[in-house]
């Protein structure tokens, strides 16, 4: 789960997608402001984008779309704690919006806080059962949780020969070329048995 060029959690919802996802709040006059902030961010000018977003929010503090973009910018700048605070505040002020929950999940997953990521994604899906990105990300989180459980089982019972093949499959899943940026799996405990390939 990454942010801006958010992989999805596959994904952090990209800033451009935020504009589309939250358009019901955007008027024609404000669309240019969102486009300007997005353009600055795409050009690698995150500090300028943040300045423009902050200036906009100062005049319209209840605007969820620009606040969402601000969270994306903060994450892009490596300010995950600030991004987490921004998205958390959005979920409190606009609990009906699923996108901030998805991005919170991406931040939690990047910290290997998979239980919190799962909870955030389940909320996003309750709010929008057709939210495909959240469904995919929830699958990724469940896979990460499975990897943690399998790793713990292997650590507790190294002679158990059924765990290593499961861990190998999970590692293959996330090592596949189609896999997006994701949180690294914990290393598997050494095993003498070779994984079964299918």
Protein backbone atom coordinates (compact mmCIF):
# COMPACT_ATOMS: atom_id res chain seq x y z
CA UNK A 1 0.00 0.00 0.00
CA UNK A 2 1.56 3.14 -0.98
CA UNK A 3 0.36 6.58 -1.27
CA UNK A 4 0.24 9.15 -3.92
CA UNK A 5 1.33 7.15 -6.86
CA UNK A 6 -0.47 5.07 -4.61
CA UNK A 7 -0.19 1.84 -5.59
CA UNK A 8 -3.35 0.72 -4.36
CA UNK A 9 -2.41 -1.25 -1.44
CA UNK A 10 -2.39 -2.21 -3.76
CA UNK A 11 -3.51 1.20 -3.01
CA UNK A 12 -3.51 4.46 -1.62
CA UNK A 13 -6.12 6.31 -3.58
CA UNK A 14 -4.28 8.67 -5.92
CA UNK A 15 -4.85 12.36 -5.76
CA UNK A 16 -6.41 12.34 -9.23
CA UNK A 17 -8.83 9.65 -8.18
CA UNK A 18 -9.73 11.72 -5.15
CA UNK A 19 -10.83 14.50 -7.43
CA UNK A 20 -13.09 12.07 -9.27
CA UNK A 21 -14.30 10.33 -6.14
CA UNK A 22 -15.31 13.51 -4.38
CA UNK A 23 -16.65 15.53 -7.30
CA UNK A 24 -20.04 15.98 -5.76
CA UNK A 25 -18.46 18.64 -3.58
CA UNK A 26 -16.55 20.34 -6.35
CA UNK A 27 -17.95 23.32 -8.19
CA UNK A 28 -16.62 24.46 -11.55
CA UNK A 29 -14.71 27.37 -10.03
CA UNK A 30 -12.98 25.13 -7.51
CA UNK A 31 -12.05 22.47 -10.07
CA UNK A 32 -9.12 24.60 -11.23
CA UNK A 33 -7.76 24.73 -7.67
CA UNK A 34 -7.85 20.94 -7.42
CA UNK A 35 -6.26 20.56 -10.85
CA UNK A 36 -3.51 23.03 -9.91
CA UNK A 37 -2.67 21.15 -6.71
CA UNK A 38 -2.70 17.82 -8.55
CA UNK A 39 -0.47 19.23 -11.30
CA UNK A 40 2.07 20.55 -8.79
CA UNK A 41 2.12 17.18 -7.08
CA UNK A 42 2.62 15.33 -10.38
CA UNK A 43 5.51 17.68 -11.16
CA UNK A 44 7.20 16.72 -7.90
CA UNK A 45 6.49 20.08 -6.29
CA UNK A 46 4.91 18.70 -3.15
CA UNK A 47 5.83 21.68 -0.98
CA UNK A 48 4.15 24.06 -3.42
CA UNK A 49 1.14 21.78 -3.70
CA UNK A 50 0.84 21.69 0.09
CA UNK A 51 1.09 25.47 0.30
CA UNK A 52 -1.66 25.89 -2.28
CA UNK A 53 -3.82 23.27 -0.57
CA UNK A 54 -3.33 24.89 2.85
CA UNK A 55 -4.22 28.32 1.45
CA UNK A 56 -7.36 26.91 -0.12
CA UNK A 57 -8.37 25.07 3.06
CA UNK A 58 -7.85 28.23 5.13
CA UNK A 59 -10.75 29.76 3.21
CA UNK A 60 -12.83 26.60 2.93
CA UNK A 61 -11.97 24.41 5.94
CA UNK A 62 -14.88 22.01 5.37
CA UNK A 63 -13.87 21.09 1.80
CA UNK A 64 -13.31 17.30 1.93
CA UNK A 65 -11.71 17.05 -1.50
CA UNK A 66 -8.87 19.49 -0.86
CA UNK A 67 -8.37 18.07 2.60
CA UNK A 68 -8.09 14.63 1.01
CA UNK A 69 -5.50 15.95 -1.44
CA UNK A 70 -3.64 17.49 1.47
CA UNK A 71 -3.42 14.05 3.12
CA UNK A 72 -2.05 12.59 -0.12
CA UNK A 73 0.55 15.37 -0.31
CA UNK A 74 1.62 14.83 3.30
CA UNK A 75 2.12 11.17 2.61
CA UNK A 76 4.04 11.94 -0.57
CA UNK A 77 6.35 14.09 1.54
CA UNK A 78 6.99 11.15 3.87
CA UNK A 79 4.97 12.72 6.68
CA UNK A 80 2.95 9.61 7.46
CA UNK A 81 1.92 10.69 10.97
CA UNK A 82 0.52 13.95 9.58
CA UNK A 83 -1.17 12.10 6.70
CA UNK A 84 -2.72 9.66 9.17
CA UNK A 85 -4.01 12.58 11.23
CA UNK A 86 -5.43 14.25 8.11
CA UNK A 87 -7.29 11.14 6.96
CA UNK A 88 -8.46 10.31 10.48
CA UNK A 89 -9.92 13.80 10.79
CA UNK A 90 -11.66 13.36 7.43
CA UNK A 91 -13.27 10.12 8.64
CA UNK A 92 -14.55 11.98 11.69
CA UNK A 93 -15.83 15.00 9.78
CA UNK A 94 -17.19 13.03 6.80
CA UNK A 95 -17.84 9.49 8.04
CA UNK A 96 -19.87 8.74 4.92
CA UNK A 97 -16.81 8.93 2.61
CA UNK A 98 -15.04 5.59 2.00
CA UNK A 99 -11.86 6.96 0.35
CA UNK A 100 -10.23 8.35 3.50
CA UNK A 101 -10.68 4.94 5.15
CA UNK A 102 -8.91 3.28 2.21
CA UNK A 103 -5.96 5.66 2.52
CA UNK A 104 -5.81 5.21 6.27
CA UNK A 105 -5.64 1.47 5.64
CA UNK A 106 -2.71 2.02 3.27
CA UNK A 107 -0.88 3.98 5.94
CA UNK A 108 -1.61 1.36 8.60
CA UNK A 109 -0.49 -1.47 6.32
CA UNK A 110 2.78 0.34 5.59
CA UNK A 111 3.38 0.18 9.34
CA UNK A 112 2.39 -3.52 9.48
CA UNK A 113 -0.67 -2.56 11.54
CA UNK A 114 -2.83 -4.96 9.58
CA UNK A 115 -5.65 -5.22 12.15
CA UNK A 116 -6.23 -1.47 11.94
CA UNK A 117 -5.93 -1.60 8.14
CA UNK A 118 -8.55 -4.36 8.04
CA UNK A 119 -10.92 -2.36 10.22
CA UNK A 120 -10.55 0.75 8.05
CA UNK A 121 -11.16 -1.23 4.85
CA UNK A 122 -14.18 -3.00 6.27
CA UNK A 123 -15.63 0.42 7.07
CA UNK A 124 -14.91 1.65 3.54
CA UNK A 125 -16.69 -1.39 2.11
CA UNK A 126 -19.67 -0.97 4.41
CA UNK A 127 -19.96 2.59 3.13
CA UNK A 128 -19.56 1.57 -0.51
CA UNK A 129 -19.98 -2.15 -1.20
CA UNK A 130 -18.94 -1.53 -4.85
CA UNK A 131 -15.57 -0.02 -3.90
CA UNK A 132 -13.30 -2.43 -5.81
CA UNK A 133 -10.01 -0.92 -4.57
CA UNK A 134 -11.06 -1.41 -0.94
CA UNK A 135 -12.03 -5.02 -1.67
CA UNK A 136 -8.67 -5.68 -3.30
CA UNK A 137 -6.82 -4.01 -0.45
CA UNK A 138 -8.78 -6.02 2.09
CA UNK A 139 -7.69 -9.18 0.29
CA UNK A 140 -4.09 -7.99 0.55
CA UNK A 141 -4.51 -7.29 4.26
CA UNK A 142 -5.99 -10.74 4.89
CA UNK A 143 -3.05 -12.23 3.02
CA UNK A 144 -0.62 -10.27 5.21
CA UNK A 145 -2.46 -11.40 8.32
CA UNK A 146 -2.30 -14.99 7.07
CA UNK A 147 1.45 -14.64 6.51
CA UNK A 148 1.88 -13.41 10.08
CA UNK A 149 -0.14 -16.33 11.45
CA UNK A 150 1.72 -18.88 9.33
CA UNK A 151 5.02 -17.36 10.40
CA UNK A 152 4.01 -17.60 14.04
CA UNK A 153 2.89 -21.22 13.56
CA UNK A 154 6.20 -22.08 11.95
CA UNK A 155 8.11 -20.41 14.76
CA UNK A 156 6.11 -22.29 17.40
CA UNK A 157 6.27 -25.64 15.63
CA UNK A 158 9.24 -25.77 13.22
CA UNK A 159 8.58 -29.45 12.43
CA UNK A 160 5.15 -28.64 10.98
CA UNK A 161 5.60 -29.32 7.27
CA UNK A 162 2.28 -27.83 6.15
CA UNK A 163 3.16 -24.21 6.93
CA UNK A 164 6.18 -23.62 4.66
CA UNK A 165 4.31 -24.27 1.40
CA UNK A 166 1.60 -21.83 2.44
CA UNK A 167 4.17 -19.16 3.24
CA UNK A 168 5.92 -19.83 -0.05
CA UNK A 169 2.66 -19.30 -1.94
CA UNK A 170 2.06 -16.01 -0.19
CA UNK A 171 5.59 -14.88 -0.98
CA UNK A 172 5.09 -15.86 -4.62
CA UNK A 173 1.84 -13.95 -4.74
CA UNK A 174 3.47 -10.70 -3.72
CA UNK A 175 6.65 -11.31 -5.70
CA UNK A 176 4.71 -11.73 -8.96
CA UNK A 177 5.29 -9.00 -11.55
CA UNK A 178 1.63 -8.01 -11.40
CA UNK A 179 1.87 -7.29 -7.69
CA UNK A 180 1.93 -3.61 -6.82
CA UNK A 181 3.96 -1.89 -4.14
CA UNK A 182 3.14 -3.60 -0.91
CA UNK A 183 4.47 -4.02 2.55
CA UNK A 184 7.24 -6.61 2.74
CA UNK A 185 6.28 -9.91 4.25
CA UNK A 186 8.12 -11.02 7.34
CA UNK A 187 10.89 -13.46 6.44
CA UNK A 188 9.91 -17.08 6.70
CA UNK A 189 11.65 -19.16 9.31
CA UNK A 190 14.22 -21.52 7.86
CA UNK A 191 12.76 -24.79 6.73
CA UNK A 192 14.35 -27.98 5.52
CA UNK A 193 11.41 -28.97 3.35
CA UNK A 194 11.17 -27.43 -0.12
CA UNK A 195 7.90 -25.73 -1.00
CA UNK A 196 5.56 -27.50 -3.35
CA UNK A 197 5.22 -25.73 -6.69
CA UNK A 198 1.99 -25.92 -8.57
